[in-house]
Amino acid sequence: MKIKLSVVAIVFMLAASSSEAQHVRVRLNFPAGVHTRAVGRAPFSGAIWIGPEWQWRGGRYVSVPGYWARPGRSGAVWVPGHWKYSRRGYRWVPGRWR
């Protein structure tokens, strides 16, 4: 009986130790050559620099370079994209005009 209890205890301890949560951190950086800050001077009056973003394409995130844009309406402000966490993991929320 002692042997059975010992075996059960060992199996339980092994199962409990293997079920510990695993955490993986991945840092996504834009590839070399992608300008994260405004490039040169604004090409026209009122131009706003839209920094690089991530887009989901073909089952993975790819970087999209920044560009100069004209606000759609007077007083519009660009809100940059960001990573948002949920139970299913992180997802990219694209930038938008506000």
C-alpha atoms as a PDB file:
ATOM      1  CA  MET A   1       0.000   0.000   0.000  1.00  0.00           C
ATOM      2  CA  LYS A   2       2.852   2.378   0.832  1.00  0.00           C
ATOM      3  CA  ILE A   3       4.399   1.761  -2.567  1.00  0.00           C
ATOM      4  CA  LYS A   4       1.123   2.569  -4.334  1.00  0.00           C
ATOM      5  CA  LEU A   5       0.740   5.784  -2.342  1.00  0.00           C
ATOM      6  CA  SER A   6       4.344   6.729  -3.097  1.00  0.00           C
ATOM      7  CA  VAL A   7       3.853   6.100  -6.815  1.00  0.00           C
ATOM      8  CA  VAL A   8       0.605   8.109  -6.847  1.00  0.00           C
ATOM      9  CA  ALA A   9       2.302  10.946  -4.958  1.00  0.00           C
ATOM     10  CA  ILE A  10       5.242  11.004  -7.382  1.00  0.00           C
ATOM     11  CA  VAL A  11       2.951  10.936 -10.427  1.00  0.00           C
ATOM     12  CA  PHE A  12       0.874  13.755  -8.959  1.00  0.00           C
ATOM     13  CA  MET A  13       3.986  15.853  -8.229  1.00  0.00           C
ATOM     14  CA  LEU A  14       5.316  15.329 -11.756  1.00  0.00           C
ATOM     15  CA  ALA A  15       1.968  16.247 -13.286  1.00  0.00           C
ATOM     16  CA  ALA A  16       1.697  19.369 -11.132  1.00  0.00           C
ATOM     17  CA  SER A  17       5.232  20.534 -11.941  1.00  0.00           C
ATOM     18  CA  SER A  18       4.770  20.075 -15.700  1.00  0.00           C
ATOM     19  CA  SER A  19       1.573  22.134 -15.733  1.00  0.00           C
ATOM     20  CA  GLU A  20       3.260  25.364 -14.657  1.00  0.00           C
ATOM     21  CA  ALA A  21       2.430  28.303 -16.892  1.00  0.00           C
ATOM     22  CA  GLN A  22       4.959  29.079 -19.575  1.00  0.00           C
ATOM     23  CA  HIS A  23       5.555  32.721 -20.473  1.00  0.00           C
ATOM     24  CA  VAL A  24       7.247  33.811 -23.654  1.00  0.00           C
ATOM     25  CA  ARG A  25       8.118  37.411 -24.373  1.00  0.00           C
ATOM     26  CA  VAL A  26       8.601  38.510 -27.941  1.00  0.00           C
ATOM     27  CA  ARG A  27       9.666  42.008 -28.834  1.00  0.00           C
ATOM     28  CA  LEU A  28       8.516  43.110 -32.270  1.00  0.00           C
ATOM     29  CA  ASN A  29      10.662  45.827 -33.748  1.00  0.00           C
ATOM     30  CA  PHE A  30      10.270  47.395 -37.130  1.00  0.00           C
ATOM     31  CA  PRO A  31      12.853  46.107 -39.613  1.00  0.00           C
ATOM     32  CA  ALA A  32      16.021  48.085 -40.250  1.00  0.00           C
ATOM     33  CA  GLY A  33      15.415  50.920 -42.687  1.00  0.00           C
ATOM     34  CA  VAL A  34      11.842  51.621 -41.543  1.00  0.00           C
ATOM     35  CA  HIS A  35      11.633  55.243 -40.390  1.00  0.00           C
ATOM     36  CA  THR A  36       9.761  55.541 -37.106  1.00  0.00           C
ATOM     37  CA  ARG A  37      10.145  59.330 -37.062  1.00  0.00           C
ATOM     38  CA  ALA A  38       9.118  61.863 -39.682  1.00  0.00           C
ATOM     39  CA  VAL A  39      11.260  61.722 -42.805  1.00  0.00           C
ATOM     40  CA  GLY A  40      12.419  65.148 -43.924  1.00  0.00           C
ATOM     41  CA  ARG A  41      10.128  68.141 -43.991  1.00  0.00           C
ATOM     42  CA  ALA A  42       6.393  67.984 -44.533  1.00  0.00           C
ATOM     43  CA  PRO A  43       5.693  67.887 -48.295  1.00  0.00           C
ATOM     44  CA  PHE A  44       2.692  70.237 -47.976  1.00  0.00           C
ATOM     45  CA  SER A  45       1.140  72.581 -45.444  1.00  0.00           C
ATOM     46  CA  GLY A  46      -0.771  70.774 -42.686  1.00  0.00           C
ATOM     47  CA  ALA A  47       0.802  67.380 -43.453  1.00  0.00           C
ATOM     48  CA  ILE A  48       0.831  64.887 -40.569  1.00  0.00           C
ATOM     49  CA  TRP A  49       3.403  62.094 -40.274  1.00  0.00           C
ATOM     50  CA  ILE A  50       1.738  58.710 -39.861  1.00  0.00           C
ATOM     51  CA  GLY A  51       4.354  56.435 -38.300  1.00  0.00           C
ATOM     52  CA  PRO A  52       4.912  52.837 -39.374  1.00  0.00           C
ATOM     53  CA  GLU A  53       2.279  50.300 -38.386  1.00  0.00           C
ATOM     54  CA  TRP A  54       1.670  46.574 -38.446  1.00  0.00           C
ATOM     55  CA  GLN A  55      -0.843  44.852 -40.732  1.00  0.00           C
ATOM     56  CA  TRP A  56      -2.093  41.267 -40.632  1.00  0.00           C
ATOM     57  CA  ARG A  57      -1.357  39.690 -44.025  1.00  0.00           C
ATOM     58  CA  GLY A  58      -1.101  36.066 -45.022  1.00  0.00           C
ATOM     59  CA  GLY A  59      -1.357  34.777 -41.457  1.00  0.00           C
ATOM     60  CA  ARG A  60       1.326  37.044 -39.973  1.00  0.00           C
ATOM     61  CA  TYR A  61       2.043  40.647 -39.086  1.00  0.00           C
ATOM     62  CA  VAL A  62       4.079  42.675 -41.564  1.00  0.00           C
ATOM     63  CA  SER A  63       5.403  46.189 -41.093  1.00  0.00           C
ATOM     64  CA  VAL A  64       3.985  49.019 -43.192  1.00  0.00           C
ATOM     65  CA  PRO A  65       6.238  52.078 -43.558  1.00  0.00           C
ATOM     66  CA  GLY A  66       5.201  55.527 -42.368  1.00  0.00           C
ATOM     67  CA  TYR A  67       3.961  58.259 -44.698  1.00  0.00           C
ATOM     68  CA  TRP A  68       2.757  61.859 -44.818  1.00  0.00           C
ATOM     69  CA  ALA A  69      -1.021  62.376 -44.848  1.00  0.00           C
ATOM     70  CA  ARG A  70      -3.562  65.153 -44.956  1.00  0.00           C
ATOM     71  CA  PRO A  71      -6.132  65.142 -42.130  1.00  0.00           C
ATOM     72  CA  GLY A  72      -9.637  64.372 -43.362  1.00  0.00           C
ATOM     73  CA  ARG A  73     -11.127  67.321 -41.487  1.00  0.00           C
ATOM     74  CA  SER A  74      -9.964  70.431 -39.693  1.00  0.00           C
ATOM     75  CA  GLY A  75      -8.659  69.763 -36.184  1.00  0.00           C
ATOM     76  CA  ALA A  76      -8.322  66.000 -36.710  1.00  0.00           C
ATOM     77  CA  VAL A  77      -5.659  64.288 -34.594  1.00  0.00           C
ATOM     78  CA  TRP A  78      -3.861  61.068 -35.520  1.00  0.00           C
ATOM     79  CA  VAL A  79      -4.014  58.406 -32.785  1.00  0.00           C
ATOM     80  CA  PRO A  80      -1.169  55.926 -33.377  1.00  0.00           C
ATOM     81  CA  GLY A  81      -1.794  52.186 -33.443  1.00  0.00           C
ATOM     82  CA  HIS A  82      -0.971  50.031 -30.437  1.00  0.00           C
ATOM     83  CA  TRP A  83      -0.853  46.449 -29.236  1.00  0.00           C
ATOM     84  CA  LYS A  84      -3.866  45.341 -27.195  1.00  0.00           C
ATOM     85  CA  TYR A  85      -3.888  42.319 -24.904  1.00  0.00           C
ATOM     86  CA  SER A  86      -6.781  39.877 -24.615  1.00  0.00           C
ATOM     87  CA  ARG A  87      -7.107  36.304 -23.350  1.00  0.00           C
ATOM     88  CA  ARG A  88      -6.249  35.089 -26.852  1.00  0.00           C
ATOM     89  CA  GLY A  89      -3.002  37.076 -26.935  1.00  0.00           C
ATOM     90  CA  TYR A  90      -1.956  40.408 -28.362  1.00  0.00           C
ATOM     91  CA  ARG A  91      -3.416  41.991 -31.477  1.00  0.00           C
ATOM     92  CA  TRP A  92      -2.577  45.186 -33.308  1.00  0.00           C
ATOM     93  CA  VAL A  93      -5.147  47.991 -33.170  1.00  0.00           C
ATOM     94  CA  PRO A  94      -4.490  50.219 -36.209  1.00  0.00           C
ATOM     95  CA  GLY A  95      -4.038  53.966 -35.899  1.00  0.00           C
ATOM     96  CA  ARG A  96      -6.996  56.221 -36.677  1.00  0.00           C
ATOM     97  CA  TRP A  97      -8.070  59.821 -37.039  1.00  0.00           C
ATOM     98  CA  ARG A  98      -9.924  61.322 -34.103  1.00  0.00           C
END
